[in-house]
C-alpha atoms as a PDB file:
ATOM      1  CA  UNK A   1       0.000   0.000   0.000  1.00  0.00           C
ATOM      2  CA  UNK A   2       2.843   2.451   0.755  1.00  0.00           C
ATOM      3  CA  UNK A   3       4.163   2.183  -2.802  1.00  0.00           C
ATOM      4  CA  UNK A   4       0.752   3.206  -4.135  1.00  0.00           C
ATOM      5  CA  UNK A   5       0.802   6.417  -2.084  1.00  0.00           C
ATOM      6  CA  UNK A   6       4.381   7.165  -3.115  1.00  0.00           C
ATOM      7  CA  UNK A   7       3.498   6.640  -6.766  1.00  0.00           C
ATOM      8  CA  UNK A   8       0.526   8.999  -6.358  1.00  0.00           C
ATOM      9  CA  UNK A   9       2.890  11.758  -5.200  1.00  0.00           C
ATOM     10  CA  UNK A  10       5.168  11.196  -8.191  1.00  0.00           C
ATOM     11  CA  UNK A  11       2.180  11.093 -10.562  1.00  0.00           C
ATOM     12  CA  UNK A  12       1.278  14.633  -9.442  1.00  0.00           C
ATOM     13  CA  UNK A  13       4.634  15.823 -10.777  1.00  0.00           C
ATOM     14  CA  UNK A  14       6.157  16.194  -7.312  1.00  0.00           C
ATOM     15  CA  UNK A  15       9.823  15.368  -6.766  1.00  0.00           C
ATOM     16  CA  UNK A  16      11.205  14.543  -3.323  1.00  0.00           C
ATOM     17  CA  UNK A  17      14.780  15.176  -2.253  1.00  0.00           C
ATOM     18  CA  UNK A  18      16.757  14.691   0.950  1.00  0.00           C
ATOM     19  CA  UNK A  19      19.508  17.007   2.142  1.00  0.00           C
ATOM     20  CA  UNK A  20      22.014  16.433   4.952  1.00  0.00           C
ATOM     21  CA  UNK A  21      22.230  19.275   7.489  1.00  0.00           C
ATOM     22  CA  UNK A  22      25.566  20.711   6.332  1.00  0.00           C
ATOM     23  CA  UNK A  23      24.210  21.049   2.806  1.00  0.00           C
ATOM     24  CA  UNK A  24      21.013  22.926   3.732  1.00  0.00           C
ATOM     25  CA  UNK A  25      21.154  26.223   1.854  1.00  0.00           C
ATOM     26  CA  UNK A  26      19.960  29.620   3.036  1.00  0.00           C
ATOM     27  CA  UNK A  27      17.178  29.421   0.440  1.00  0.00           C
ATOM     28  CA  UNK A  28      16.077  26.062   1.845  1.00  0.00           C
ATOM     29  CA  UNK A  29      16.204  27.470   5.386  1.00  0.00           C
ATOM     30  CA  UNK A  30      13.918  30.297   4.275  1.00  0.00           C
ATOM     31  CA  UNK A  31      11.489  27.762   2.773  1.00  0.00           C
ATOM     32  CA  UNK A  32      11.549  25.645   5.953  1.00  0.00           C
ATOM     33  CA  UNK A  33      10.587  28.673   8.007  1.00  0.00           C
ATOM     34  CA  UNK A  34       7.947  29.996   5.596  1.00  0.00           C
ATOM     35  CA  UNK A  35       6.275  26.599   5.234  1.00  0.00           C
ATOM     36  CA  UNK A  36       6.401  26.069   9.017  1.00  0.00           C
ATOM     37  CA  UNK A  37       4.737  29.449   9.629  1.00  0.00           C
ATOM     38  CA  UNK A  38       2.074  28.960   6.950  1.00  0.00           C
ATOM     39  CA  UNK A  39       1.152  25.556   8.334  1.00  0.00           C
ATOM     40  CA  UNK A  40       0.807  26.900  11.872  1.00  0.00           C
ATOM     41  CA  UNK A  41      -1.190  29.872  10.646  1.00  0.00           C
ATOM     42  CA  UNK A  42      -3.597  27.616   8.784  1.00  0.00           C
ATOM     43  CA  UNK A  43      -4.018  25.151  11.659  1.00  0.00           C
ATOM     44  CA  UNK A  44      -3.697  27.340  14.776  1.00  0.00           C
ATOM     45  CA  UNK A  45      -4.110  30.936  13.633  1.00  0.00           C
ATOM     46  CA  UNK A  46      -0.631  31.916  14.781  1.00  0.00           C
ATOM     47  CA  UNK A  47       2.839  31.719  13.232  1.00  0.00           C
ATOM     48  CA  UNK A  48       4.205  28.907  15.390  1.00  0.00           C
ATOM     49  CA  UNK A  49       6.515  28.768  18.359  1.00  0.00           C
ATOM     50  CA  UNK A  50       9.882  28.538  16.634  1.00  0.00           C
ATOM     51  CA  UNK A  51      11.745  31.450  15.070  1.00  0.00           C
ATOM     52  CA  UNK A  52      13.878  31.508  11.941  1.00  0.00           C
ATOM     53  CA  UNK A  53      16.854  32.007  14.270  1.00  0.00           C
ATOM     54  CA  UNK A  54      15.945  28.735  15.995  1.00  0.00           C
ATOM     55  CA  UNK A  55      16.129  26.834  12.721  1.00  0.00           C
ATOM     56  CA  UNK A  56      19.392  28.606  11.814  1.00  0.00           C
ATOM     57  CA  UNK A  57      20.910  27.717  15.205  1.00  0.00           C
ATOM     58  CA  UNK A  58      19.924  24.068  14.863  1.00  0.00           C
ATOM     59  CA  UNK A  59      21.398  23.860  11.368  1.00  0.00           C
ATOM     60  CA  UNK A  60      24.595  25.590  12.525  1.00  0.00           C
ATOM     61  CA  UNK A  61      25.080  23.747  15.820  1.00  0.00           C
ATOM     62  CA  UNK A  62      24.151  20.146  14.952  1.00  0.00           C
ATOM     63  CA  UNK A  63      24.281  19.845  11.155  1.00  0.00           C
ATOM     64  CA  UNK A  64      25.266  16.170  11.197  1.00  0.00           C
ATOM     65  CA  UNK A  65      22.102  15.371  13.159  1.00  0.00           C
ATOM     66  CA  UNK A  66      19.712  16.929  10.623  1.00  0.00           C
ATOM     67  CA  UNK A  67      17.964  15.731   7.501  1.00  0.00           C
ATOM     68  CA  UNK A  68      15.737  17.887   5.342  1.00  0.00           C
ATOM     69  CA  UNK A  69      13.102  16.419   3.071  1.00  0.00           C
ATOM     70  CA  UNK A  70      11.736  18.787   0.413  1.00  0.00           C
ATOM     71  CA  UNK A  71       8.881  18.371  -2.031  1.00  0.00           C
ATOM     72  CA  UNK A  72       9.333  20.210  -5.328  1.00  0.00           C
ATOM     73  CA  UNK A  73       6.804  21.009  -8.013  1.00  0.00           C
ATOM     74  CA  UNK A  74       8.148  22.686 -11.148  1.00  0.00           C
ATOM     75  CA  UNK A  75      11.482  23.202  -9.345  1.00  0.00           C
ATOM     76  CA  UNK A  76       9.799  25.170  -6.524  1.00  0.00           C
ATOM     77  CA  UNK A  77       9.609  23.926  -2.930  1.00  0.00           C
ATOM     78  CA  UNK A  78       6.001  23.274  -1.912  1.00  0.00           C
ATOM     79  CA  UNK A  79       6.603  21.468   1.393  1.00  0.00           C
ATOM     80  CA  UNK A  80       9.404  20.643   3.823  1.00  0.00           C
ATOM     81  CA  UNK A  81      10.037  18.344   6.728  1.00  0.00           C
ATOM     82  CA  UNK A  82      13.058  18.762   9.003  1.00  0.00           C
ATOM     83  CA  UNK A  83      14.213  15.813  11.087  1.00  0.00           C
ATOM     84  CA  UNK A  84      16.722  15.146  13.826  1.00  0.00           C
ATOM     85  CA  UNK A  85      18.582  11.891  13.274  1.00  0.00           C
ATOM     86  CA  UNK A  86      20.329   9.478  15.625  1.00  0.00           C
ATOM     87  CA  UNK A  87      21.770   6.368  14.046  1.00  0.00           C
ATOM     88  CA  UNK A  88      18.988   4.931  11.919  1.00  0.00           C
ATOM     89  CA  UNK A  89      16.103   6.747  13.664  1.00  0.00           C
ATOM     90  CA  UNK A  90      14.449  10.019  12.621  1.00  0.00           C
ATOM     91  CA  UNK A  91      12.910  12.325  15.236  1.00  0.00           C
ATOM     92  CA  UNK A  92      11.042  15.599  15.238  1.00  0.00           C
ATOM     93  CA  UNK A  93       9.553  16.118  11.841  1.00  0.00           C
ATOM     94  CA  UNK A  94       9.025  19.851  11.678  1.00  0.00           C
ATOM     95  CA  UNK A  95       6.551  19.748   8.780  1.00  0.00           C
ATOM     96  CA  UNK A  96       5.367  22.692   6.785  1.00  0.00           C
ATOM     97  CA  UNK A  97       3.640  23.188   3.462  1.00  0.00           C
ATOM     98  CA  UNK A  98       3.387  26.219   1.264  1.00  0.00           C
ATOM     99  CA  UNK A  99       0.594  24.381  -0.478  1.00  0.00           C
ATOM    100  CA  UNK A 100      -0.728  21.127   0.947  1.00  0.00           C
ATOM    101  CA  UNK A 101      -3.554  20.307  -1.439  1.00  0.00           C
ATOM    102  CA  UNK A 102      -1.693  17.351  -2.931  1.00  0.00           C
ATOM    103  CA  UNK A 103      -2.681  13.768  -2.241  1.00  0.00           C
ATOM    104  CA  UNK A 104      -0.364  11.926   0.162  1.00  0.00           C
ATOM    105  CA  UNK A 105       2.186  14.776   0.333  1.00  0.00           C
ATOM    106  CA  UNK A 106       2.176  14.928   4.135  1.00  0.00           C
ATOM    107  CA  UNK A 107       2.460  11.136   4.281  1.00  0.00           C
ATOM    108  CA  UNK A 108       5.420  11.113   1.876  1.00  0.00           C
ATOM    109  CA  UNK A 109       7.398  13.736   3.769  1.00  0.00           C
ATOM    110  CA  UNK A 110       6.541  12.671   7.301  1.00  0.00           C
ATOM    111  CA  UNK A 111       6.195   8.888   7.491  1.00  0.00           C
END
């Protein structure tokens, strides 16, 4: 069943990529923060609890413990998920979507 959901994401023209913490660009950091804020605003009517400086500090201080998953449509980021990693386990999952109207997008980036 998981393959079916993953194929549905691909069929919508969405590409998924993973980035290791040290390779997270400033542009990606901006997209992480924007998507995080938009998701909180939509769900909770506020901009979230974490600042852009928080995300910058995490990326700077523990880059080897981070993984970023980005969803791209037409070469533009439409959603992000930032994880903390320890060995073979992912933690955290700071999810955000600029647009989340795509089938199985949250599932693909977060599970």
